[in-house]
Amino acid sequence: MTIANQVIIEAIDGHSKTLKPLLNTLVEVALLEKGCQKYELYQLDEDREVFFIVEIWKSAKRYKDHLENETYKALEEEMKELIEIQVTNPLKLTQCLTKLGLKEEKIKETK
């Protein structure tokens, strides 16, 4: 079963510039892990202290392996002092419509 999460992270005021490179490293590390299908980092445009991560893992086992990864744990420990709030929201895919996922007939219908 695929695991998908949205993680909302709010940096302590004034610490987003220190936190951002650590989050970028987290993305790079996660993308190299077995079973990681997507790991994207976003920063809110209106409030630069707020970050979002969208992560998709092939299975619950691969997600668990990620959380137990020593590099992940070390980054998590380092970031702990910079984070005001962190919330993980499990996601359930209800529909996926991407241009690549549409059949040729559907693409022609929209033109």
C-alpha atoms as a PDB file:
ATOM      1  CA  MET A   1       0.000   0.000   0.000  1.00  0.00           C
ATOM      2  CA  THR A   2       1.324   3.419  -0.988  1.00  0.00           C
ATOM      3  CA  ILE A   3       1.933   5.916   1.826  1.00  0.00           C
ATOM      4  CA  ALA A   4       1.475   9.638   1.130  1.00  0.00           C
ATOM      5  CA  ASN A   5       1.866  12.515   3.561  1.00  0.00           C
ATOM      6  CA  GLN A   6       1.778  16.278   3.619  1.00  0.00           C
ATOM      7  CA  VAL A   7       4.123  17.620   6.284  1.00  0.00           C
ATOM      8  CA  ILE A   8       3.679  21.215   7.411  1.00  0.00           C
ATOM      9  CA  ILE A   9       6.698  22.748   9.116  1.00  0.00           C
ATOM     10  CA  GLU A  10       6.821  26.213  10.636  1.00  0.00           C
ATOM     11  CA  ALA A  11      10.258  27.531  11.527  1.00  0.00           C
ATOM     12  CA  ILE A  12      10.840  29.511  14.679  1.00  0.00           C
ATOM     13  CA  ASP A  13      10.734  33.206  13.708  1.00  0.00           C
ATOM     14  CA  GLY A  14      13.905  34.180  11.887  1.00  0.00           C
ATOM     15  CA  HIS A  15      15.217  30.623  11.488  1.00  0.00           C
ATOM     16  CA  SER A  16      13.878  29.715   8.032  1.00  0.00           C
ATOM     17  CA  LYS A  17      17.208  30.553   6.345  1.00  0.00           C
ATOM     18  CA  THR A  18      18.980  28.067   8.611  1.00  0.00           C
ATOM     19  CA  LEU A  19      16.246  25.438   8.334  1.00  0.00           C
ATOM     20  CA  LYS A  20      15.840  25.524   4.542  1.00  0.00           C
ATOM     21  CA  PRO A  21      19.258  23.979   3.646  1.00  0.00           C
ATOM     22  CA  LEU A  22      18.632  21.162   6.144  1.00  0.00           C
ATOM     23  CA  LEU A  23      15.233  20.492   4.583  1.00  0.00           C
ATOM     24  CA  ASN A  24      16.848  20.499   1.126  1.00  0.00           C
ATOM     25  CA  THR A  25      19.333  17.894   2.353  1.00  0.00           C
ATOM     26  CA  LEU A  26      16.439  15.853   3.734  1.00  0.00           C
ATOM     27  CA  VAL A  27      14.825  15.864   0.275  1.00  0.00           C
ATOM     28  CA  GLU A  28      18.073  14.792  -1.407  1.00  0.00           C
ATOM     29  CA  VAL A  29      18.556  11.942   1.090  1.00  0.00           C
ATOM     30  CA  ALA A  30      14.939  10.750   0.858  1.00  0.00           C
ATOM     31  CA  LEU A  31      14.979  10.665  -2.943  1.00  0.00           C
ATOM     32  CA  LEU A  32      17.904   8.234  -2.812  1.00  0.00           C
ATOM     33  CA  GLU A  33      16.084   5.852  -0.479  1.00  0.00           C
ATOM     34  CA  LYS A  34      14.514   2.681  -1.788  1.00  0.00           C
ATOM     35  CA  GLY A  35      10.766   3.070  -2.185  1.00  0.00           C
ATOM     36  CA  CYS A  36      10.671   6.872  -2.329  1.00  0.00           C
ATOM     37  CA  GLN A  37       8.420   7.827  -5.218  1.00  0.00           C
ATOM     38  CA  LYS A  38       8.125  11.553  -4.508  1.00  0.00           C
ATOM     39  CA  TYR A  39       9.597  13.957  -1.982  1.00  0.00           C
ATOM     40  CA  GLU A  40       9.028  17.632  -2.689  1.00  0.00           C
ATOM     41  CA  LEU A  41       9.719  20.688  -0.559  1.00  0.00           C
ATOM     42  CA  TYR A  42       7.707  23.886  -0.890  1.00  0.00           C
ATOM     43  CA  GLN A  43       8.001  27.198   0.927  1.00  0.00           C
ATOM     44  CA  LEU A  44       4.940  29.369   1.446  1.00  0.00           C
ATOM     45  CA  ASP A  45       5.283  32.563  -0.580  1.00  0.00           C
ATOM     46  CA  GLU A  46       3.348  34.771   1.867  1.00  0.00           C
ATOM     47  CA  ASP A  47       5.077  33.445   5.006  1.00  0.00           C
ATOM     48  CA  ARG A  48       8.678  32.353   4.418  1.00  0.00           C
ATOM     49  CA  GLU A  49       8.752  30.592   7.806  1.00  0.00           C
ATOM     50  CA  VAL A  50       6.315  27.893   6.588  1.00  0.00           C
ATOM     51  CA  PHE A  51       7.385  24.860   4.544  1.00  0.00           C
ATOM     52  CA  PHE A  52       5.418  21.947   3.085  1.00  0.00           C
ATOM     53  CA  ILE A  53       6.716  18.521   2.184  1.00  0.00           C
ATOM     54  CA  VAL A  54       4.747  16.163  -0.030  1.00  0.00           C
ATOM     55  CA  GLU A  55       6.079  12.625   0.238  1.00  0.00           C
ATOM     56  CA  ILE A  56       4.969   9.392  -1.407  1.00  0.00           C
ATOM     57  CA  TRP A  57       6.401   5.998  -0.480  1.00  0.00           C
ATOM     58  CA  LYS A  58       5.875   2.688  -2.255  1.00  0.00           C
ATOM     59  CA  SER A  59       4.880   0.910   0.962  1.00  0.00           C
ATOM     60  CA  ALA A  60       4.477   1.293   4.712  1.00  0.00           C
ATOM     61  CA  LYS A  61       7.704  -0.700   5.158  1.00  0.00           C
ATOM     62  CA  ARG A  62       9.690   1.712   2.979  1.00  0.00           C
ATOM     63  CA  TYR A  63       8.238   4.689   4.855  1.00  0.00           C
ATOM     64  CA  LYS A  64       9.162   3.062   8.180  1.00  0.00           C
ATOM     65  CA  ASP A  65      12.689   2.417   6.860  1.00  0.00           C
ATOM     66  CA  HIS A  66      12.915   6.118   5.959  1.00  0.00           C
ATOM     67  CA  LEU A  67      11.944   7.186   9.484  1.00  0.00           C
ATOM     68  CA  GLU A  68      14.570   4.821  10.927  1.00  0.00           C
ATOM     69  CA  ASN A  69      17.331   5.925   8.530  1.00  0.00           C
ATOM     70  CA  GLU A  70      20.321   7.232  10.510  1.00  0.00           C
ATOM     71  CA  THR A  71      20.794  10.244   8.220  1.00  0.00           C
ATOM     72  CA  TYR A  72      17.110  11.156   8.588  1.00  0.00           C
ATOM     73  CA  LYS A  73      17.348  10.850  12.373  1.00  0.00           C
ATOM     74  CA  ALA A  74      20.458  13.068  12.484  1.00  0.00           C
ATOM     75  CA  LEU A  75      18.794  15.742  10.317  1.00  0.00           C
ATOM     76  CA  GLU A  76      15.624  15.550  12.402  1.00  0.00           C
ATOM     77  CA  GLU A  77      17.663  16.088  15.574  1.00  0.00           C
ATOM     78  CA  GLU A  78      19.492  19.074  14.048  1.00  0.00           C
ATOM     79  CA  MET A  79      16.255  20.654  12.783  1.00  0.00           C
ATOM     80  CA  LYS A  80      14.399  20.174  16.071  1.00  0.00           C
ATOM     81  CA  GLU A  81      15.837  23.405  17.510  1.00  0.00           C
ATOM     82  CA  LEU A  82      14.670  25.413  14.464  1.00  0.00           C
ATOM     83  CA  ILE A  83      11.059  24.193  14.238  1.00  0.00           C
ATOM     84  CA  GLU A  84       8.116  25.811  16.014  1.00  0.00           C
ATOM     85  CA  ILE A  85       5.409  23.479  14.660  1.00  0.00           C
ATOM     86  CA  GLN A  86       5.475  20.260  12.629  1.00  0.00           C
ATOM     87  CA  VAL A  87       2.311  18.441  11.569  1.00  0.00           C
ATOM     88  CA  THR A  88       2.094  15.342   9.380  1.00  0.00           C
ATOM     89  CA  ASN A  89      -1.169  14.783   7.532  1.00  0.00           C
ATOM     90  CA  PRO A  90      -1.653  11.357   5.920  1.00  0.00           C
ATOM     91  CA  LEU A  91      -3.126  11.692   2.428  1.00  0.00           C
ATOM     92  CA  LYS A  92      -5.420   9.381   0.537  1.00  0.00           C
ATOM     93  CA  LEU A  93      -5.301   9.565  -3.241  1.00  0.00           C
ATOM     94  CA  THR A  94      -8.803   9.983  -4.604  1.00  0.00           C
ATOM     95  CA  GLN A  95      -8.023  10.819  -8.226  1.00  0.00           C
ATOM     96  CA  CYS A  96      -4.890  11.356 -10.275  1.00  0.00           C
ATOM     97  CA  LEU A  97      -5.184  13.302 -13.481  1.00  0.00           C
ATOM     98  CA  THR A  98      -1.947  14.262 -15.095  1.00  0.00           C
ATOM     99  CA  LYS A  99      -1.348  14.821 -18.755  1.00  0.00           C
ATOM    100  CA  LEU A 100       0.862  11.730 -18.811  1.00  0.00           C
ATOM    101  CA  GLY A 101      -1.841   9.670 -17.124  1.00  0.00           C
ATOM    102  CA  LEU A 102      -4.573  10.492 -19.632  1.00  0.00           C
ATOM    103  CA  LYS A 103      -5.241   8.254 -22.567  1.00  0.00           C
ATOM    104  CA  GLU A 104      -4.640   9.715 -26.002  1.00  0.00           C
ATOM    105  CA  GLU A 105      -8.391   9.909 -26.685  1.00  0.00           C
ATOM    106  CA  LYS A 106      -8.978  12.047 -23.587  1.00  0.00           C
ATOM    107  CA  ILE A 107      -6.197  14.435 -24.608  1.00  0.00           C
ATOM    108  CA  LYS A 108      -7.754  14.827 -28.055  1.00  0.00           C
ATOM    109  CA  GLU A 109     -11.156  15.557 -26.490  1.00  0.00           C
ATOM    110  CA  THR A 110      -9.764  18.525 -24.575  1.00  0.00           C
ATOM    111  CA  LYS A 111      -8.187  20.130 -27.646  1.00  0.00           C
END
